[in-house]
N, C-alpha and C. Protein backbone atom coordinates (compact mmCIF):
# COMPACT_ATOMS: atom_id res chain seq x y z
N MET A 1 9.78 10.98 28.21
CA MET A 1 10.27 10.47 26.97
C MET A 1 9.21 10.86 25.91
N LEU A 2 9.36 11.52 25.09
CA LEU A 2 8.27 12.07 23.89
C LEU A 2 9.05 12.03 22.66
N ILE A 3 8.89 11.06 21.89
CA ILE A 3 9.71 10.90 20.67
C ILE A 3 8.48 10.86 19.50
N ASP A 4 8.76 12.05 18.60
CA ASP A 4 7.82 12.22 17.54
C ASP A 4 7.80 11.16 16.50
N VAL A 5 6.65 10.76 16.03
CA VAL A 5 6.57 10.09 14.67
C VAL A 5 6.87 10.97 13.55
N VAL A 6 7.73 10.56 12.66
CA VAL A 6 8.08 11.33 11.57
C VAL A 6 7.56 10.72 10.23
N SER A 7 7.16 9.46 10.18
CA SER A 7 6.51 8.85 9.16
C SER A 7 5.72 7.61 9.33
N ALA A 8 4.71 7.31 8.64
CA ALA A 8 3.77 6.30 8.85
C ALA A 8 3.39 5.74 7.58
N GLU A 9 3.43 4.17 7.32
CA GLU A 9 3.08 3.69 6.13
C GLU A 9 2.17 2.46 6.43
N TYR A 10 1.03 2.49 5.71
CA TYR A 10 0.08 1.29 5.79
C TYR A 10 0.66 0.15 5.31
N ARG A 11 0.69 -0.92 5.96
CA ARG A 11 1.30 -2.34 5.44
C ARG A 11 0.27 -3.46 5.48
N GLY A 12 -1.08 -3.09 5.37
CA GLY A 12 -2.11 -4.13 5.13
C GLY A 12 -2.61 -4.54 6.30
N ASP A 13 -4.05 -5.08 6.25
CA ASP A 13 -4.78 -5.43 7.52
C ASP A 13 -4.77 -4.20 8.39
N TYR A 14 -4.32 -4.47 9.64
CA TYR A 14 -4.31 -3.29 10.65
C TYR A 14 -3.02 -3.10 11.02
N LYS A 15 -2.04 -3.03 10.05
CA LYS A 15 -0.55 -2.85 10.46
C LYS A 15 -0.06 -1.54 9.61
N ILE A 16 0.68 -0.77 10.48
CA ILE A 16 1.27 0.40 10.02
C ILE A 16 2.77 0.45 10.52
N LYS A 17 3.62 0.71 9.40
CA LYS A 17 5.11 0.85 9.92
C LYS A 17 5.27 2.40 10.22
N ILE A 18 5.90 2.63 11.48
CA ILE A 18 6.03 3.92 12.02
C ILE A 18 7.52 4.13 12.20
N THR A 19 7.91 5.20 11.88
CA THR A 19 9.36 5.69 12.02
C THR A 19 9.29 6.90 12.97
N PHE A 20 10.34 6.87 14.05
CA PHE A 20 10.34 8.05 14.89
C PHE A 20 11.53 8.84 14.70
N GLU A 21 11.62 10.02 15.24
CA GLU A 21 12.57 11.13 15.04
C GLU A 21 13.95 10.47 15.47
N ASP A 22 14.08 9.59 16.41
CA ASP A 22 15.37 8.92 16.66
C ASP A 22 15.95 7.92 15.74
N GLY A 23 15.11 7.72 14.73
CA GLY A 23 15.56 6.80 13.51
C GLY A 23 15.06 5.25 13.84
N LYS A 24 14.43 5.08 14.91
CA LYS A 24 13.86 3.79 15.27
C LYS A 24 12.57 3.60 14.53
N SER A 25 12.20 2.34 14.06
CA SER A 25 11.02 2.13 13.38
C SER A 25 10.60 0.75 13.77
N GLY A 26 9.21 0.37 13.43
CA GLY A 26 8.67 -0.91 13.52
C GLY A 26 7.17 -1.04 13.02
N VAL A 27 6.79 -2.08 12.90
CA VAL A 27 5.48 -2.28 12.40
C VAL A 27 4.54 -2.66 13.48
N ILE A 28 3.38 -1.96 13.69
CA ILE A 28 2.50 -2.10 14.73
C ILE A 28 1.24 -2.76 14.07
N ASP A 29 0.65 -3.93 14.88
CA ASP A 29 -0.68 -4.46 14.50
C ASP A 29 -1.48 -3.92 15.44
N PHE A 30 -2.48 -2.95 14.84
CA PHE A 30 -3.51 -2.30 15.58
C PHE A 30 -4.69 -3.20 15.82
N SER A 31 -4.72 -4.35 15.34
CA SER A 31 -6.00 -5.33 15.46
C SER A 31 -6.40 -5.44 16.85
N SER A 32 -5.65 -5.42 17.80
CA SER A 32 -5.98 -5.46 19.28
C SER A 32 -7.02 -4.39 19.56
N TYR A 33 -6.92 -3.15 19.00
CA TYR A 33 -7.63 -2.06 19.23
C TYR A 33 -9.34 -2.28 18.86
N LEU A 34 -9.45 -3.27 18.07
CA LEU A 34 -10.81 -3.70 17.49
C LEU A 34 -11.57 -4.17 19.00
N LYS A 35 -11.05 -4.73 19.91
CA LYS A 35 -11.63 -5.30 21.03
C LYS A 35 -11.89 -4.08 22.11
N LYS A 36 -11.31 -3.14 21.91
CA LYS A 36 -11.18 -2.19 23.06
C LYS A 36 -12.70 -1.41 23.14
N GLY A 37 -13.40 -1.32 22.01
CA GLY A 37 -14.63 -0.64 22.09
C GLY A 37 -14.58 0.93 22.17
N GLY A 38 -15.60 1.59 22.56
CA GLY A 38 -15.60 3.10 22.62
C GLY A 38 -15.17 3.49 21.10
N ILE A 39 -14.38 4.58 21.27
CA ILE A 39 -13.97 5.34 20.01
C ILE A 39 -13.34 4.43 19.02
N PHE A 40 -12.75 3.37 19.61
CA PHE A 40 -11.81 2.55 18.64
C PHE A 40 -12.86 1.60 17.81
N GLU A 41 -14.16 1.59 18.17
CA GLU A 41 -15.05 0.83 17.26
C GLU A 41 -14.88 1.26 15.80
N LYS A 42 -14.69 2.62 15.62
CA LYS A 42 -14.52 3.01 14.26
C LYS A 42 -13.41 2.43 13.42
N PHE A 43 -12.47 1.89 14.19
CA PHE A 43 -11.46 0.81 13.55
C PHE A 43 -12.00 -0.18 12.81
N LYS A 44 -13.16 -0.69 13.15
CA LYS A 44 -13.68 -1.93 12.57
C LYS A 44 -13.99 -1.67 11.05
N ASN A 45 -14.08 -0.36 10.74
CA ASN A 45 -14.25 -0.05 9.29
C ASN A 45 -12.84 0.28 8.77
N ILE A 46 -12.26 -0.76 8.07
CA ILE A 46 -10.89 -0.72 7.68
C ILE A 46 -10.62 0.55 6.69
N GLU A 47 -11.58 1.14 6.13
CA GLU A 47 -11.40 2.25 5.26
C GLU A 47 -10.97 3.51 6.27
N PHE A 48 -11.78 3.48 7.20
CA PHE A 48 -11.55 4.71 8.50
C PHE A 48 -10.13 4.29 9.02
N PHE A 49 -9.75 3.09 9.26
CA PHE A 49 -8.37 2.77 9.89
C PHE A 49 -7.34 3.36 8.80
N LYS A 50 -7.59 2.96 7.58
CA LYS A 50 -6.44 3.38 6.60
C LYS A 50 -6.46 4.83 6.45
N SER A 51 -7.18 5.61 6.85
CA SER A 51 -7.36 7.13 6.63
C SER A 51 -6.55 7.75 7.73
N PHE A 52 -5.71 7.12 8.46
CA PHE A 52 -4.89 7.79 9.38
C PHE A 52 -4.03 8.79 8.68
N GLN A 53 -3.59 9.83 9.51
CA GLN A 53 -2.65 10.91 8.99
C GLN A 53 -1.61 11.22 10.02
N LEU A 54 -0.50 11.66 9.59
CA LEU A 54 0.61 11.99 10.40
C LEU A 54 0.39 13.52 10.61
N ASP A 55 0.06 13.95 11.90
CA ASP A 55 0.03 15.36 12.32
C ASP A 55 1.41 15.79 12.71
N LYS A 56 2.09 16.46 11.83
CA LYS A 56 3.53 16.93 12.13
C LYS A 56 3.49 17.88 13.27
N GLU A 57 2.61 18.69 13.52
CA GLU A 57 2.54 19.57 14.60
C GLU A 57 2.76 18.92 16.02
N ILE A 58 2.11 17.86 16.12
CA ILE A 58 2.01 17.07 17.44
C ILE A 58 2.86 15.78 17.37
N GLY A 59 3.49 15.45 16.01
CA GLY A 59 4.36 14.29 15.97
C GLY A 59 3.63 12.93 16.25
N ASN A 60 2.36 12.84 15.77
CA ASN A 60 1.60 11.67 16.23
C ASN A 60 0.83 11.28 14.98
N LEU A 61 0.28 10.11 14.99
CA LEU A 61 -0.90 9.73 14.08
C LEU A 61 -2.23 10.11 14.52
N ILE A 62 -3.09 10.43 13.67
CA ILE A 62 -4.58 10.93 14.09
C ILE A 62 -5.33 10.32 13.08
N TRP A 63 -6.56 9.89 13.51
CA TRP A 63 -7.53 9.42 12.62
C TRP A 63 -8.83 10.44 12.64
N ASN A 64 -8.95 11.14 11.52
CA ASN A 64 -10.06 11.99 11.40
C ASN A 64 -10.10 13.16 12.56
N GLY A 65 -8.95 13.50 13.06
CA GLY A 65 -8.88 14.45 14.02
C GLY A 65 -9.64 14.11 15.32
N GLU A 66 -10.16 12.94 15.47
CA GLU A 66 -10.73 12.61 16.77
C GLU A 66 -10.03 11.38 17.51
N ILE A 67 -9.22 10.65 16.83
CA ILE A 67 -8.55 9.45 17.61
C ILE A 67 -7.12 9.71 17.33
N ASP A 68 -6.27 9.50 18.49
CA ASP A 68 -4.86 9.31 18.46
C ASP A 68 -4.49 8.56 19.56
N ILE A 69 -3.32 7.99 19.41
CA ILE A 69 -2.80 7.01 20.58
C ILE A 69 -1.63 7.70 20.92
N ALA A 70 -1.39 7.60 22.28
CA ALA A 70 -0.20 8.32 23.03
C ALA A 70 1.05 7.81 22.16
N PRO A 71 1.95 8.80 21.85
CA PRO A 71 3.24 8.43 21.15
C PRO A 71 4.03 7.56 21.99
N GLU A 72 4.10 7.58 23.27
CA GLU A 72 4.74 6.61 24.12
C GLU A 72 4.40 5.10 23.99
N THR A 73 3.12 5.00 23.74
CA THR A 73 2.62 3.66 23.43
C THR A 73 2.99 3.34 22.04
N LEU A 74 2.77 3.95 21.05
CA LEU A 74 3.33 3.77 19.68
C LEU A 74 4.88 3.28 19.74
N TYR A 75 5.58 4.15 20.36
CA TYR A 75 7.05 3.77 20.32
C TYR A 75 7.30 2.51 21.10
N SER A 76 6.52 2.24 22.20
CA SER A 76 6.83 0.96 22.94
C SER A 76 6.34 -0.14 22.01
N LYS A 77 5.27 -0.07 21.38
CA LYS A 77 4.99 -1.22 20.51
C LYS A 77 5.78 -1.46 19.37
N ALA A 78 6.09 -0.32 18.68
CA ALA A 78 7.01 -0.40 17.34
C ALA A 78 8.36 -0.97 17.69
N THR A 79 8.90 -0.52 18.96
CA THR A 79 10.39 -0.74 19.25
C THR A 79 10.48 -1.83 20.09
N ARG A 80 9.37 -2.45 20.64
CA ARG A 80 9.27 -3.40 21.60
C ARG A 80 10.16 -3.24 22.83
N THR A 81 9.91 -1.90 23.24
CA THR A 81 10.65 -1.60 24.45
C THR A 81 9.34 -1.24 25.50
N PRO A 82 9.91 -1.22 26.80
CA PRO A 82 8.78 -1.02 27.87
C PRO A 82 8.23 0.43 27.80
N LEU A 83 7.03 0.63 28.20
CA LEU A 83 6.59 1.84 28.43
C LEU A 83 7.31 2.53 29.42
N PRO A 84 7.26 3.89 29.41
CA PRO A 84 7.95 4.73 30.53
C PRO A 84 7.17 4.32 31.80
N GLU A 85 7.81 4.38 32.87
CA GLU A 85 7.48 3.88 34.10
C GLU A 85 6.02 4.75 34.48
N TRP A 86 6.10 5.97 34.29
CA TRP A 86 4.96 6.76 34.75
C TRP A 86 3.61 6.57 33.84
N LEU A 87 3.81 5.70 32.86
CA LEU A 87 2.63 5.14 32.05
C LEU A 87 2.10 3.82 32.60
N ARG A 88 2.97 3.06 33.14
CA ARG A 88 2.66 1.83 33.51
C ARG A 88 1.74 1.51 34.79
N ASN A 89 1.66 2.63 35.47
CA ASN A 89 0.66 2.65 36.76
C ASN A 89 -0.64 2.76 36.39
């Protein structure tokens, strides 16, 4: 299952509304990524977080060309559906 992101809209704090090519959408709160560390440390700068872009070529959100989150993860979080089985292991 790979469903492209077709639009993304900043909704305040660490929230982004994401719409997918199948018409489903939802708001994701990315604040949990602040605890992950590593590359996600950059999200602590809210201006960096808000600088996301939609890469239409790959159908995903990107931050400064260096951070992206698997579209399956975005879809699962936005639509509140389980991750595909192959990603749960």
